């Protein structure tokens, strides 16, 4: 087996899974390992099992170091998560953003949080607003919070743990946190009110090399002394990197980042059309620019509808559900989305087989995506990134509903991994290989969409 030089490792921590990918200097994947992202439902609150991830990470890096000379490690993670650390370690476990926080302090927080016009961060359930998490931790655990030296957003926590250098970064700070003003590119008034400025470390671009691996980790991982740890980035923003810096007329106007969350990012759309009550928001890209977005927990809802042992369906299964008017009505996740708080239901004859459940999950996620694109007033080309590119029907069904927009899908299922690699090679052009989605012709598909739309509008 040939030993590769100049390789990149991307640490991709999604809400459902953790993935480590080894890529060569040209961006080709050489190896990949995965493990589930497990939440510890124990005192003092539900939290991420960071020690389990850490032990797995070090062991996997040792394996990868035998295959390649690794020049950089790039952390890419989900948003709405932060670590409170002192000089050496966590002062509190990393809170799971899906935790239901006590309501006793929520009224106090509501009086403190900035307006949507300032942050373009909607008022979200559980801990999806990072500011709410931090306020609750500060009030509930004052002693531990008082020992905090740095508040680190999640990619930067892993960068700090690997390098020892604390940094902030705009894509994670601007991810519905209540902590950031996207238009002014500065902290929100909440940060000033709470006195958190000194706890938030200096900001760095996501592509910045913070430094080499901590010396005590060299032997444990087998990595070379010249391996650099990059600052890192929020995962859905990593998926956008391939579309930043291209010729504007050739750039897709909307990118669909699909995974546990489906996030529609509409380039160039004004922020004043965003409706905070529909889970619309402004994310911030790696250059600090606001991007109008709308989202729902598509991967989670797909898994719920498809069942524990999903089995890919056929076109006959899809047509059968349309013919019998079986519709899934939102929502099937406990967090986020334009229909958060409504209990999902099935109208019409329920699916009977694993294939029909997969088909219904597919139809539902296409309709939810179409709903979000319409609400965002998306125009111009659409590119589908991420896990839904594995679904053989998703892009074609979406294209049949969006005939006024060209729909295509990327050639890989992980825009986050490609984005992480691009951070290591920042400034170099990365070709975007996309395949046009052929319109999938199903009888009554548009009428089915119209019926679904009418039903969800009544709820």
Foldseek 3Di string as FASTA:
>chain_A
DDAAEAKEWEFEAEQFKTKIFIAGLQGHTDDMDMDTFDWDCDPPHTATPVVVVVVVVLVVLQVVLVRYQYAEYAYAYAALWKFFDAQAGGLDGIHDQLTQADPPCVVVVVVQQDDCLFQLQFDWGRRSQNLVVLVSCCVVPVVSNVRGQAIATDRQVVLCQFAVDGAHAQQRCNRSHSQAGLVVGHGDVSCVVVVCPRRHHYHDQQLDFRAFTDPVSCVSNVHDRNHTYGNHHYQVLLLCVLQPPDDVVPGFQWEFEDDQKTKIWGPPFDSVLDDSLFQWGWGAHSVSHTTTMFMDRLNQQLDVQLDDDADAADVVLLLVCLVQLKAKADDDDQTDGNPHPDDIDIPGDRDDDSNNSNSRSLLHSLLSVLVRCVSSVHAEEYEYEADCVPRLCNQQQNCQVPVRYWYKYFPDRGSSSVSSSCSNVPPDNDDTHIDTHHHDDHPCSVVSSVVNVVVNVVD
